[in-house]
Amino acid sequence: MTTLDLILILALAIAIYFYARDRNSIQTLRRSNDQRELDRASWADRLARLEARNAALGDAPDHPLFVVNDQGVIEHLNSRAIDLLDANAIGRTIIEATRSHEIDALIQTTLASRQTNV
């Protein structure tokens, strides 16, 4: 065996090593990506179920229901509230949507105390 043969065998061995390492890395990344996709799908499924449950709970009462964020901006209305106002009220403050200072005062008091008033 000549020096050239040894160099070619060594070069082939190094190439096989890097190929195997890269292949392993690719498989690990694919498994990791597959797991992330499953995690995303799981979260998306949970979110969809939660949104469906919230929608069902929100539409269950016979009275208007407003869901507001910390700034008092309407994020959700049940069907009774939409009948009173309209779907365009979403994204507006209570005072903008209702023009009622009494309702706005109740919302502001509730937000300040972080309690639910019924």
PDB file of N, CA and C in Angstrom:
ATOM      1  N   MET A   1       0.854  -1.163   0.000  1.00  0.00           N
ATOM      2  CA  MET A   1       0.000   0.000   0.000  1.00  0.00           C
ATOM      3  C   MET A   1       0.905   1.232   0.000  1.00  0.00           C
ATOM      4  N   THR A   2       0.559   2.174  -0.837  1.00  0.00           N
ATOM      5  CA  THR A   2       1.387   3.367  -0.977  1.00  0.00           C
ATOM      6  C   THR A   2       0.866   4.472  -0.070  1.00  0.00           C
ATOM      7  N   THR A   3       1.654   5.485   0.034  1.00  0.00           N
ATOM      8  CA  THR A   3       1.277   6.655   0.825  1.00  0.00           C
ATOM      9  C   THR A   3       0.009   7.286   0.260  1.00  0.00           C
ATOM     10  N   LEU A   4      -0.092   7.289  -1.043  1.00  0.00           N
ATOM     11  CA  LEU A   4      -1.280   7.850  -1.688  1.00  0.00           C
ATOM     12  C   LEU A   4      -2.523   7.051  -1.312  1.00  0.00           C
ATOM     13  N   ASP A   5      -2.394   5.718  -1.278  1.00  0.00           N
ATOM     14  CA  ASP A   5      -3.520   4.876  -0.880  1.00  0.00           C
ATOM     15  C   ASP A   5      -3.946   5.182   0.559  1.00  0.00           C
ATOM     16  N   LEU A   6      -2.977   5.347   1.460  1.00  0.00           N
ATOM     17  CA  LEU A   6      -3.274   5.670   2.860  1.00  0.00           C
ATOM     18  C   LEU A   6      -3.971   7.023   2.978  1.00  0.00           C
ATOM     19  N   ILE A   7      -3.502   7.986   2.208  1.00  0.00           N
ATOM     20  CA  ILE A   7      -4.126   9.321   2.238  1.00  0.00           C
ATOM     21  C   ILE A   7      -5.562   9.241   1.730  1.00  0.00           C
ATOM     22  N   LEU A   8      -5.778   8.478   0.660  1.00  0.00           N
ATOM     23  CA  LEU A   8      -7.143   8.335   0.129  1.00  0.00           C
ATOM     24  C   LEU A   8      -8.051   7.625   1.120  1.00  0.00           C
ATOM     25  N   ILE A   9      -7.532   6.596   1.794  1.00  0.00           N
ATOM     26  CA  ILE A   9      -8.332   5.874   2.801  1.00  0.00           C
ATOM     27  C   ILE A   9      -8.653   6.804   3.967  1.00  0.00           C
ATOM     28  N   LEU A  10      -7.656   7.559   4.410  1.00  0.00           N
ATOM     29  CA  LEU A  10      -7.872   8.516   5.501  1.00  0.00           C
ATOM     30  C   LEU A  10      -8.890   9.590   5.094  1.00  0.00           C
ATOM     31  N   ALA A  11      -8.785  10.108   3.876  1.00  0.00           N
ATOM     32  CA  ALA A  11      -9.726  11.121   3.386  1.00  0.00           C
ATOM     33  C   ALA A  11     -11.130  10.538   3.312  1.00  0.00           C
ATOM     34  N   LEU A  12     -11.239   9.273   2.864  1.00  0.00           N
ATOM     35  CA  LEU A  12     -12.540   8.611   2.796  1.00  0.00           C
ATOM     36  C   LEU A  12     -13.116   8.409   4.192  1.00  0.00           C
ATOM     37  N   ALA A  13     -12.281   8.015   5.127  1.00  0.00           N
ATOM     38  CA  ALA A  13     -12.733   7.821   6.508  1.00  0.00           C
ATOM     39  C   ALA A  13     -13.236   9.136   7.102  1.00  0.00           C
ATOM     40  N   ILE A  14     -12.505  10.219   6.848  1.00  0.00           N
ATOM     41  CA  ILE A  14     -12.927  11.539   7.348  1.00  0.00           C
ATOM     42  C   ILE A  14     -14.247  11.953   6.701  1.00  0.00           C
ATOM     43  N   ALA A  15     -14.370  11.715   5.403  1.00  0.00           N
ATOM     44  CA  ALA A  15     -15.613  12.059   4.705  1.00  0.00           C
ATOM     45  C   ALA A  15     -16.783  11.257   5.264  1.00  0.00           C
ATOM     46  N   ILE A  16     -16.566   9.960   5.525  1.00  0.00           N
ATOM     47  CA  ILE A  16     -17.629   9.115   6.101  1.00  0.00           C
ATOM     48  C   ILE A  16     -17.997   9.613   7.495  1.00  0.00           C
ATOM     49  N   TYR A  17     -16.974   9.978   8.285  1.00  0.00           N
ATOM     50  CA  TYR A  17     -17.231  10.494   9.630  1.00  0.00           C
ATOM     51  C   TYR A  17     -18.118  11.741   9.574  1.00  0.00           C
ATOM     52  N   PHE A  18     -17.747  12.709   8.727  1.00  0.00           N
ATOM     53  CA  PHE A  18     -18.522  13.943   8.624  1.00  0.00           C
ATOM     54  C   PHE A  18     -19.913  13.689   8.053  1.00  0.00           C
ATOM     55  N   TYR A  19     -20.019  12.786   7.102  1.00  0.00           N
ATOM     56  CA  TYR A  19     -21.327  12.431   6.541  1.00  0.00           C
ATOM     57  C   TYR A  19     -22.223  11.854   7.632  1.00  0.00           C
ATOM     58  N   ALA A  20     -21.677  10.921   8.410  1.00  0.00           N
ATOM     59  CA  ALA A  20     -22.459  10.287   9.481  1.00  0.00           C
ATOM     60  C   ALA A  20     -22.850  11.316  10.547  1.00  0.00           C
ATOM     61  N   ARG A  21     -21.885  12.190  10.895  1.00  0.00           N
ATOM     62  CA  ARG A  21     -22.174  13.220  11.899  1.00  0.00           C
ATOM     63  C   ARG A  21     -23.257  14.176  11.404  1.00  0.00           C
ATOM     64  N   ASP A  22     -23.140  14.630  10.176  1.00  0.00           N
ATOM     65  CA  ASP A  22     -24.134  15.540   9.605  1.00  0.00           C
ATOM     66  C   ASP A  22     -25.492  14.859   9.488  1.00  0.00           C
ATOM     67  N   ARG A  23     -25.473  13.591   9.073  1.00  0.00           N
ATOM     68  CA  ARG A  23     -26.728  12.839   8.954  1.00  0.00           C
ATOM     69  C   ARG A  23     -27.400  12.713  10.318  1.00  0.00           C
ATOM     70  N   ASN A  24     -26.590  12.440  11.336  1.00  0.00           N
ATOM     71  CA  ASN A  24     -27.116  12.370  12.701  1.00  0.00           C
ATOM     72  C   ASN A  24     -27.695  13.713  13.121  1.00  0.00           C
ATOM     73  N   SER A  25     -26.975  14.780  12.831  1.00  0.00           N
ATOM     74  CA  SER A  25     -27.440  16.127  13.176  1.00  0.00           C
ATOM     75  C   SER A  25     -28.750  16.448  12.465  1.00  0.00           C
ATOM     76  N   ILE A  26     -28.821  16.084  11.199  1.00  0.00           N
ATOM     77  CA  ILE A  26     -30.043  16.336  10.431  1.00  0.00           C
ATOM     78  C   ILE A  26     -31.213  15.556  11.021  1.00  0.00           C
ATOM     79  N   GLN A  27     -30.992  14.303  11.368  1.00  0.00           N
ATOM     80  CA  GLN A  27     -32.059  13.495  11.959  1.00  0.00           C
ATOM     81  C   GLN A  27     -32.494  14.066  13.304  1.00  0.00           C
ATOM     82  N   THR A  28     -31.527  14.511  14.099  1.00  0.00           N
ATOM     83  CA  THR A  28     -31.849  15.124  15.392  1.00  0.00           C
ATOM     84  C   THR A  28     -32.667  16.392  15.182  1.00  0.00           C
ATOM     85  N   LEU A  29     -32.257  17.209  14.213  1.00  0.00           N
ATOM     86  CA  LEU A  29     -33.012  18.429  13.929  1.00  0.00           C
ATOM     87  C   LEU A  29     -34.422  18.106  13.434  1.00  0.00           C
ATOM     88  N   ARG A  30     -34.541  17.089  12.610  1.00  0.00           N
ATOM     89  CA  ARG A  30     -35.874  16.704  12.118  1.00  0.00           C
ATOM     90  C   ARG A  30     -36.758  16.242  13.258  1.00  0.00           C
ATOM     91  N   ARG A  31     -36.185  15.411  14.152  1.00  0.00           N
ATOM     92  CA  ARG A  31     -36.977  14.955  15.309  1.00  0.00           C
ATOM     93  C   ARG A  31     -37.375  16.139  16.173  1.00  0.00           C
ATOM     94  N   SER A  32     -36.426  17.044  16.385  1.00  0.00           N
ATOM     95  CA  SER A  32     -36.699  18.239  17.180  1.00  0.00           C
ATOM     96  C   SER A  32     -37.782  19.087  16.511  1.00  0.00           C
ATOM     97  N   ASN A  33     -37.669  19.266  15.199  1.00  0.00           N
ATOM     98  CA  ASN A  33     -38.660  20.036  14.454  1.00  0.00           C
ATOM     99  C   ASN A  33     -40.020  19.353  14.495  1.00  0.00           C
ATOM    100  N   ASP A  34     -40.035  18.024  14.352  1.00  0.00           N
ATOM    101  CA  ASP A  34     -41.293  17.274  14.440  1.00  0.00           C
ATOM    102  C   ASP A  34     -41.940  17.476  15.804  1.00  0.00           C
ATOM    103  N   GLN A  35     -41.119  17.453  16.866  1.00  0.00           N
ATOM    104  CA  GLN A  35     -41.646  17.644  18.212  1.00  0.00           C
ATOM    105  C   GLN A  35     -42.205  19.058  18.367  1.00  0.00           C
ATOM    106  N   ARG A  36     -41.483  20.049  17.811  1.00  0.00           N
ATOM    107  CA  ARG A  36     -41.988  21.419  17.870  1.00  0.00           C
ATOM    108  C   ARG A  36     -43.307  21.552  17.125  1.00  0.00           C
ATOM    109  N   GLU A  37     -43.409  20.874  15.972  1.00  0.00           N
ATOM    110  CA  GLU A  37     -44.665  20.904  15.212  1.00  0.00           C
ATOM    111  C   GLU A  37     -45.782  20.270  16.019  1.00  0.00           C
ATOM    112  N   LEU A  38     -45.477  19.143  16.691  1.00  0.00           N
ATOM    113  CA  LEU A  38     -46.485  18.506  17.539  1.00  0.00           C
ATOM    114  C   LEU A  38     -46.870  19.427  18.691  1.00  0.00           C
ATOM    115  N   ASP A  39     -45.854  20.084  19.286  1.00  0.00           N
ATOM    116  CA  ASP A  39     -46.140  21.021  20.377  1.00  0.00           C
ATOM    117  C   ASP A  39     -47.012  22.167  19.887  1.00  0.00           C
ATOM    118  N   ARG A  40     -46.684  22.717  18.699  1.00  0.00           N
ATOM    119  CA  ARG A  40     -47.498  23.800  18.132  1.00  0.00           C
ATOM    120  C   ARG A  40     -48.910  23.323  17.874  1.00  0.00           C
ATOM    121  N   ALA A  41     -49.039  22.136  17.305  1.00  0.00           N
ATOM    122  CA  ALA A  41     -50.369  21.598  17.019  1.00  0.00           C
ATOM    123  C   ALA A  41     -51.136  21.381  18.321  1.00  0.00           C
ATOM    124  N   SER A  42     -50.434  20.902  19.335  1.00  0.00           N
ATOM    125  CA  SER A  42     -51.074  20.683  20.628  1.00  0.00           C
ATOM    126  C   SER A  42     -51.550  22.011  21.221  1.00  0.00           C
ATOM    127  N   TRP A  43     -50.682  23.036  21.156  1.00  0.00           N
ATOM    128  CA  TRP A  43     -51.076  24.352  21.671  1.00  0.00           C
ATOM    129  C   TRP A  43     -52.215  24.945  20.859  1.00  0.00           C
ATOM    130  N   ALA A  44     -52.154  24.782  19.544  1.00  0.00           N
ATOM    131  CA  ALA A  44     -53.224  25.302  18.690  1.00  0.00           C
ATOM    132  C   ALA A  44     -54.537  24.604  19.018  1.00  0.00           C
ATOM    133  N   ASP A  45     -54.478  23.304  19.261  1.00  0.00           N
ATOM    134  CA  ASP A  45     -55.680  22.552  19.620  1.00  0.00           C
ATOM    135  C   ASP A  45     -56.222  23.015  20.973  1.00  0.00           C
ATOM    136  N   ARG A  46     -55.318  23.190  21.926  1.00  0.00           N
ATOM    137  CA  ARG A  46     -55.749  23.680  23.250  1.00  0.00           C
ATOM    138  C   ARG A  46     -56.372  25.068  23.140  1.00  0.00           C
ATOM    139  N   LEU A  47     -55.738  25.930  22.364  1.00  0.00           N
ATOM    140  CA  LEU A  47     -56.249  27.286  22.192  1.00  0.00           C
ATOM    141  C   LEU A  47     -57.620  27.264  21.531  1.00  0.00           C
ATOM    142  N   ALA A  48     -57.790  26.438  20.515  1.00  0.00           N
ATOM    143  CA  ALA A  48     -59.085  26.340  19.832  1.00  0.00           C
ATOM    144  C   ALA A  48     -60.158  25.846  20.790  1.00  0.00           C
ATOM    145  N   ARG A  49     -59.821  24.848  21.604  1.00  0.00           N
ATOM    146  CA  ARG A  49     -60.801  24.338  22.583  1.00  0.00           C
ATOM    147  C   ARG A  49     -61.147  25.406  23.612  1.00  0.00           C
ATOM    148  N   LEU A  50     -60.127  26.136  24.079  1.00  0.00           N
ATOM    149  CA  LEU A  50     -60.355  27.194  25.056  1.00  0.00           C
ATOM    150  C   LEU A  50     -61.216  28.305  24.472  1.00  0.00           C
ATOM    151  N   GLU A  51     -60.931  28.707  23.229  1.00  0.00           N
ATOM    152  CA  GLU A  51     -61.734  29.742  22.588  1.00  0.00           C
ATOM    153  C   GLU A  51     -63.167  29.277  22.382  1.00  0.00           C
ATOM    154  N   ALA A  52     -63.348  28.023  22.009  1.00  0.00           N
ATOM    155  CA  ALA A  52     -64.702  27.485  21.827  1.00  0.00           C
ATOM    156  C   ALA A  52     -65.440  27.451  23.156  1.00  0.00           C
ATOM    157  N   ARG A  53     -64.758  27.042  24.215  1.00  0.00           N
ATOM    158  CA  ARG A  53     -65.390  27.005  25.539  1.00  0.00           C
ATOM    159  C   ARG A  53     -65.741  28.415  26.000  1.00  0.00           C
ATOM    160  N   ASN A  54     -64.815  29.362  25.795  1.00  0.00           N
ATOM    161  CA  ASN A  54     -65.097  30.742  26.184  1.00  0.00           C
ATOM    162  C   ASN A  54     -66.264  31.315  25.388  1.00  0.00           C
ATOM    163  N   ALA A  55     -66.320  31.007  24.100  1.00  0.00           N
ATOM    164  CA  ALA A  55     -67.439  31.487  23.281  1.00  0.00           C
ATOM    165  C   ALA A  55     -68.751  30.896  23.773  1.00  0.00           C
ATOM    166  N   ALA A  56     -68.733  29.610  24.107  1.00  0.00           N
ATOM    167  CA  ALA A  56     -69.956  28.962  24.608  1.00  0.00           C
ATOM    168  C   ALA A  56     -70.373  29.565  25.944  1.00  0.00           C
ATOM    169  N   LEU A  57     -69.404  29.797  26.824  1.00  0.00           N
ATOM    170  CA  LEU A  57     -69.719  30.406  28.119  1.00  0.00           C
ATOM    171  C   LEU A  57     -70.208  31.837  27.932  1.00  0.00           C
ATOM    172  N   GLY A  58     -69.584  32.546  27.012  1.00  0.00           N
ATOM    173  CA  GLY A  58     -69.968  33.936  26.775  1.00  0.00           C
ATOM    174  C   GLY A  58     -71.349  34.076  26.186  1.00  0.00           C
ATOM    175  N   ASP A  59     -71.774  33.124  25.368  1.00  0.00           N
ATOM    176  CA  ASP A  59     -73.089  33.205  24.750  1.00  0.00           C
ATOM    177  C   ASP A  59     -74.176  32.535  25.575  1.00  0.00           C
ATOM    178  N   ALA A  60     -73.804  31.880  26.674  1.00  0.00           N
ATOM    179  CA  ALA A  60     -74.781  31.186  27.500  1.00  0.00           C
ATOM    180  C   ALA A  60     -75.738  32.130  28.237  1.00  0.00           C
ATOM    181  N   PRO A  61     -75.261  33.225  28.848  1.00  0.00           N
ATOM    182  CA  PRO A  61     -76.194  34.071  29.596  1.00  0.00           C
ATOM    183  C   PRO A  61     -77.179  34.789  28.684  1.00  0.00           C
ATOM    184  N   ASP A  62     -78.350  35.087  29.249  1.00  0.00           N
ATOM    185  CA  ASP A  62     -79.355  35.830  28.507  1.00  0.00           C
ATOM    186  C   ASP A  62     -79.123  37.336  28.561  1.00  0.00           C
ATOM    187  N   HIS A  63     -78.113  37.758  29.282  1.00  0.00           N
ATOM    188  CA  HIS A  63     -77.825  39.188  29.393  1.00  0.00           C
ATOM    189  C   HIS A  63     -76.538  39.534  28.644  1.00  0.00           C
ATOM    190  N   PRO A  64     -76.351  40.799  28.331  1.00  0.00           N
ATOM    191  CA  PRO A  64     -75.141  41.206  27.610  1.00  0.00           C
ATOM    192  C   PRO A  64     -73.884  40.936  28.437  1.00  0.00           C
ATOM    193  N   LEU A  65     -72.857  40.462  27.774  1.00  0.00           N
ATOM    194  CA  LEU A  65     -71.588  40.188  28.439  1.00  0.00           C
ATOM    195  C   LEU A  65     -70.488  40.884  27.657  1.00  0.00           C
ATOM    196  N   PHE A  66     -69.713  41.705  28.367  1.00  0.00           N
ATOM    197  CA  PHE A  66     -68.586  42.422  27.786  1.00  0.00           C
ATOM    198  C   PHE A  66     -67.314  41.867  28.407  1.00  0.00           C
ATOM    199  N   VAL A  67     -66.336  41.537  27.610  1.00  0.00           N
ATOM    200  CA  VAL A  67     -65.017  41.148  28.114  1.00  0.00           C
ATOM    201  C   VAL A  67     -64.079  42.277  27.736  1.00  0.00           C
ATOM    202  N   VAL A  68     -63.468  42.873  28.781  1.00  0.00           N
ATOM    203  CA  VAL A  68     -62.566  43.996  28.555  1.00  0.00           C
ATOM    204  C   VAL A  68     -61.171  43.635  29.049  1.00  0.00           C
ATOM    205  N   ASN A  69     -60.153  44.280  28.465  1.00  0.00           N
ATOM    206  CA  ASN A  69     -58.783  44.056  28.921  1.00  0.00           C
ATOM    207  C   ASN A  69     -58.453  45.035  30.042  1.00  0.00           C
ATOM    208  N   ASP A  70     -57.186  45.049  30.459  1.00  0.00           N
ATOM    209  CA  ASP A  70     -56.756  45.914  31.574  1.00  0.00           C
ATOM    210  C   ASP A  70     -56.948  47.399  31.309  1.00  0.00           C
ATOM    211  N   GLN A  71     -56.992  47.796  30.046  1.00  0.00           N
ATOM    212  CA  GLN A  71     -57.182  49.199  29.706  1.00  0.00           C
ATOM    213  C   GLN A  71     -58.662  49.554  29.510  1.00  0.00           C
ATOM    214  N   GLY A  72     -59.550  48.588  29.708  1.00  0.00           N
ATOM    215  CA  GLY A  72     -60.974  48.843  29.535  1.00  0.00           C
ATOM    216  C   GLY A  72     -61.437  48.776  28.088  1.00  0.00           C
ATOM    217  N   VAL A  73     -60.634  48.177  27.232  1.00  0.00           N
ATOM    218  CA  VAL A  73     -60.988  48.039  25.817  1.00  0.00           C
ATOM    219  C   VAL A  73     -61.722  46.714  25.633  1.00  0.00           C
ATOM    220  N   ILE A  74     -62.829  46.751  24.920  1.00  0.00           N
ATOM    221  CA  ILE A  74     -63.646  45.557  24.709  1.00  0.00           C
ATOM    222  C   ILE A  74     -62.899  44.567  23.821  1.00  0.00           C
ATOM    223  N   GLU A  75     -62.779  43.321  24.307  1.00  0.00           N
ATOM    224  CA  GLU A  75     -62.120  42.264  23.545  1.00  0.00           C
ATOM    225  C   GLU A  75     -63.115  41.238  23.012  1.00  0.00           C
ATOM    226  N   HIS A  76     -64.246  41.098  23.688  1.00  0.00           N
ATOM    227  CA  HIS A  76     -65.243  40.109  23.258  1.00  0.00           C
ATOM    228  C   HIS A  76     -66.624  40.582  23.698  1.00  0.00           C
ATOM    229  N   LEU A  77     -67.615  40.283  22.883  1.00  0.00           N
ATOM    230  CA  LEU A  77     -69.013  40.544  23.214  1.00  0.00           C
ATOM    231  C   LEU A  77     -69.797  39.263  22.947  1.00  0.00           C
ATOM    232  N   ASN A  78     -70.737  38.943  23.831  1.00  0.00           N
ATOM    233  CA  ASN A  78     -71.590  37.811  23.500  1.00  0.00           C
ATOM    234  C   ASN A  78     -72.689  38.293  22.553  1.00  0.00           C
ATOM    235  N   SER A  79     -73.515  37.370  22.095  1.00  0.00           N
ATOM    236  CA  SER A  79     -74.518  37.720  21.085  1.00  0.00           C
ATOM    237  C   SER A  79     -75.517  38.760  21.603  1.00  0.00           C
ATOM    238  N   ARG A  80     -75.851  38.712  22.890  1.00  0.00           N
ATOM    239  CA  ARG A  80     -76.780  39.715  23.460  1.00  0.00           C
ATOM    240  C   ARG A  80     -76.158  41.108  23.443  1.00  0.00           C
ATOM    241  N   ALA A  81     -74.861  41.205  23.729  1.00  0.00           N
ATOM    242  CA  ALA A  81     -74.183  42.507  23.711  1.00  0.00           C
ATOM    243  C   ALA A  81     -74.056  43.017  22.276  1.00  0.00           C
ATOM    244  N   ILE A  82     -73.830  42.115  21.349  1.00  0.00           N
ATOM    245  CA  ILE A  82     -73.750  42.525  19.939  1.00  0.00           C
ATOM    246  C   ILE A  82     -75.099  43.046  19.468  1.00  0.00           C
ATOM    247  N   ASP A  83     -76.205  42.426  19.957  1.00  0.00           N
ATOM    248  CA  ASP A  83     -77.540  42.920  19.617  1.00  0.00           C
ATOM    249  C   ASP A  83     -77.745  44.351  20.118  1.00  0.00           C
ATOM    250  N   LEU A  84     -77.217  44.666  21.297  1.00  0.00           N
ATOM    251  CA  LEU A  84     -77.373  46.006  21.871  1.00  0.00           C
ATOM    252  C   LEU A  84     -76.481  47.027  21.182  1.00  0.00           C
ATOM    253  N   LEU A  85     -75.261  46.646  20.917  1.00  0.00           N
ATOM    254  CA  LEU A  85     -74.301  47.563  20.302  1.00  0.00           C
ATOM    255  C   LEU A  85     -74.135  47.142  18.849  1.00  0.00           C
ATOM    256  N   ASP A  86     -72.996  46.642  18.529  1.00  0.00           N
ATOM    257  CA  ASP A  86     -72.718  45.952  17.275  1.00  0.00           C
ATOM    258  C   ASP A  86     -71.311  45.383  17.391  1.00  0.00           C
ATOM    259  N   ALA A  87     -70.931  44.542  16.461  1.00  0.00           N
ATOM    260  CA  ALA A  87     -69.620  43.893  16.526  1.00  0.00           C
ATOM    261  C   ALA A  87     -68.482  44.903  16.420  1.00  0.00           C
ATOM    262  N   ASN A  88     -68.763  46.092  15.901  1.00  0.00           N
ATOM    263  CA  ASN A  88     -67.729  47.125  15.792  1.00  0.00           C
ATOM    264  C   ASN A  88     -67.296  47.665  17.151  1.00  0.00           C
ATOM    265  N   ALA A  89     -68.013  47.319  18.207  1.00  0.00           N
ATOM    266  CA  ALA A  89     -67.644  47.780  19.545  1.00  0.00           C
ATOM    267  C   ALA A  89     -66.351  47.125  20.024  1.00  0.00           C
ATOM    268  N   ILE A  90     -66.031  45.979  19.464  1.00  0.00           N
ATOM    269  CA  ILE A  90     -64.790  45.296  19.842  1.00  0.00           C
ATOM    270  C   ILE A  90     -63.611  46.169  19.423  1.00  0.00           C
ATOM    271  N   GLY A  91     -62.701  46.380  20.371  1.00  0.00           N
ATOM    272  CA  GLY A  91     -61.542  47.230  20.120  1.00  0.00           C
ATOM    273  C   GLY A  91     -61.754  48.662  20.596  1.00  0.00           C
ATOM    274  N   ARG A  92     -62.956  48.965  21.055  1.00  0.00           N
ATOM    275  CA  ARG A  92     -63.250  50.305  21.579  1.00  0.00           C
ATOM    276  C   ARG A  92     -63.403  50.222  23.091  1.00  0.00           C
ATOM    277  N   THR A  93     -63.310  51.357  23.769  1.00  0.00           N
ATOM    278  CA  THR A  93     -63.531  51.372  25.211  1.00  0.00           C
ATOM    279  C   THR A  93     -65.030  51.310  25.481  1.00  0.00           C
ATOM    280  N   ILE A  94     -65.379  50.992  26.715  1.00  0.00           N
ATOM    281  CA  ILE A  94     -66.796  50.917  27.110  1.00  0.00           C
ATOM    282  C   ILE A  94     -67.489  52.252  26.883  1.00  0.00           C
ATOM    283  N   ILE A  95     -66.837  53.331  27.265  1.00  0.00           N
ATOM    284  CA  ILE A  95     -67.459  54.652  27.109  1.00  0.00           C
ATOM    285  C   ILE A  95     -67.672  54.975  25.631  1.00  0.00           C
ATOM    286  N   GLU A  96     -66.733  54.595  24.779  1.00  0.00           N
ATOM    287  CA  GLU A  96     -66.899  54.820  23.340  1.00  0.00           C
ATOM    288  C   GLU A  96     -68.044  53.976  22.782  1.00  0.00           C
ATOM    289  N   ALA A  97     -68.150  52.759  23.257  1.00  0.00           N
ATOM    290  CA  ALA A  97     -69.140  51.834  22.706  1.00  0.00           C
ATOM    291  C   ALA A  97     -70.541  52.076  23.251  1.00  0.00           C
ATOM    292  N   THR A  98     -70.635  52.419  24.551  1.00  0.00           N
ATOM    293  CA  THR A  98     -71.965  52.527  25.180  1.00  0.00           C
ATOM    294  C   THR A  98     -72.417  53.961  25.418  1.00  0.00           C
ATOM    295  N   ARG A  99     -71.476  54.886  25.501  1.00  0.00           N
ATOM    296  CA  ARG A  99     -71.776  56.282  25.867  1.00  0.00           C
ATOM    297  C   ARG A  99     -72.436  56.361  27.243  1.00  0.00           C
ATOM    298  N   SER A 100     -72.165  55.343  28.079  1.00  0.00           N
ATOM    299  CA  SER A 100     -72.738  55.290  29.419  1.00  0.00           C
ATOM    300  C   SER A 100     -71.639  55.510  30.454  1.00  0.00           C
ATOM    301  N   HIS A 101     -71.755  56.631  31.169  1.00  0.00           N
ATOM    302  CA  HIS A 101     -70.768  56.929  32.208  1.00  0.00           C
ATOM    303  C   HIS A 101     -70.923  55.986  33.398  1.00  0.00           C
ATOM    304  N   GLU A 102     -72.133  55.503  33.643  1.00  0.00           N
ATOM    305  CA  GLU A 102     -72.365  54.577  34.752  1.00  0.00           C
ATOM    306  C   GLU A 102     -71.662  53.239  34.500  1.00  0.00           C
ATOM    307  N   ILE A 103     -71.816  52.714  33.300  1.00  0.00           N
ATOM    308  CA  ILE A 103     -71.156  51.441  32.966  1.00  0.00           C
ATOM    309  C   ILE A 103     -69.643  51.631  32.969  1.00  0.00           C
ATOM    310  N   ASP A 104     -69.182  52.740  32.417  1.00  0.00           N
ATOM    311  CA  ASP A 104     -67.750  53.015  32.405  1.00  0.00           C
ATOM    312  C   ASP A 104     -67.203  53.114  33.824  1.00  0.00           C
ATOM    313  N   ALA A 105     -67.924  53.777  34.716  1.00  0.00           N
ATOM    314  CA  ALA A 105     -67.484  53.907  36.109  1.00  0.00           C
ATOM    315  C   ALA A 105     -67.403  52.529  36.771  1.00  0.00           C
ATOM    316  N   LEU A 106     -68.374  51.674  36.495  1.00  0.00           N
ATOM    317  CA  LEU A 106     -68.362  50.321  37.051  1.00  0.00           C
ATOM    318  C   LEU A 106     -67.144  49.546  36.537  1.00  0.00           C
ATOM    319  N   ILE A 107     -66.871  49.656  35.244  1.00  0.00           N
ATOM    320  CA  ILE A 107     -65.713  48.971  34.658  1.00  0.00           C
ATOM    321  C   ILE A 107     -64.424  49.506  35.279  1.00  0.00           C
ATOM    322  N   GLN A 108     -64.289  50.823  35.411  1.00  0.00           N
ATOM    323  CA  GLN A 108     -63.082  51.421  35.977  1.00  0.00           C
ATOM    324  C   GLN A 108     -62.887  50.993  37.433  1.00  0.00           C
ATOM    325  N   THR A 109     -63.979  50.940  38.194  1.00  0.00           N
ATOM    326  CA  THR A 109     -63.902  50.492  39.587  1.00  0.00           C
ATOM    327  C   THR A 109     -63.479  49.029  39.654  1.00  0.00           C
ATOM    328  N   THR A 110     -64.058  48.224  38.781  1.00  0.00           N
ATOM    329  CA  THR A 110     -63.716  46.809  38.740  1.00  0.00           C
ATOM    330  C   THR A 110     -62.248  46.609  38.368  1.00  0.00           C
ATOM    331  N   LEU A 111     -61.790  47.326  37.359  1.00  0.00           N
ATOM    332  CA  LEU A 111     -60.384  47.216  36.956  1.00  0.00           C
ATOM    333  C   LEU A 111     -59.445  47.662  38.066  1.00  0.00           C
ATOM    334  N   ALA A 112     -59.830  48.717  38.766  1.00  0.00           N
ATOM    335  CA  ALA A 112     -58.989  49.234  39.847  1.00  0.00           C
ATOM    336  C   ALA A 112     -58.918  48.240  41.005  1.00  0.00           C
ATOM    337  N   SER A 113     -60.023  47.557  41.287  1.00  0.00           N
ATOM    338  CA  SER A 113     -60.038  46.632  42.429  1.00  0.00           C
ATOM    339  C   SER A 113     -59.646  45.210  42.045  1.00  0.00           C
ATOM    340  N   ARG A 114     -59.592  44.939  40.723  1.00  0.00           N
ATOM    341  CA  ARG A 114     -59.266  43.597  40.207  1.00  0.00           C
ATOM    342  C   ARG A 114     -60.233  42.537  40.712  1.00  0.00           C
ATOM    343  N   GLN A 115     -61.501  42.951  40.925  1.00  0.00           N
ATOM    344  CA  GLN A 115     -62.546  42.019  41.336  1.00  0.00           C
ATOM    345  C   GLN A 115     -63.623  42.020  40.275  1.00  0.00           C
ATOM    346  N   THR A 116     -64.379  40.957  40.233  1.00  0.00           N
ATOM    347  CA  THR A 116     -65.484  40.873  39.293  1.00  0.00           C
ATOM    348  C   THR A 116     -66.764  41.331  39.979  1.00  0.00           C
ATOM    349  N   ASN A 117     -67.385  42.348  39.427  1.00  0.00           N
ATOM    350  CA  ASN A 117     -68.662  42.820  39.944  1.00  0.00           C
ATOM    351  C   ASN A 117     -69.768  42.285  39.066  1.00  0.00           C
ATOM    352  N   VAL A 118     -70.794  41.766  39.692  1.00  0.00           N
ATOM    353  CA  VAL A 118     -71.915  41.223  38.923  1.00  0.00           C
ATOM    354  C   VAL A 118     -73.150  42.041  39.196  1.00  0.00           C
TER     355      VAL A 118
END
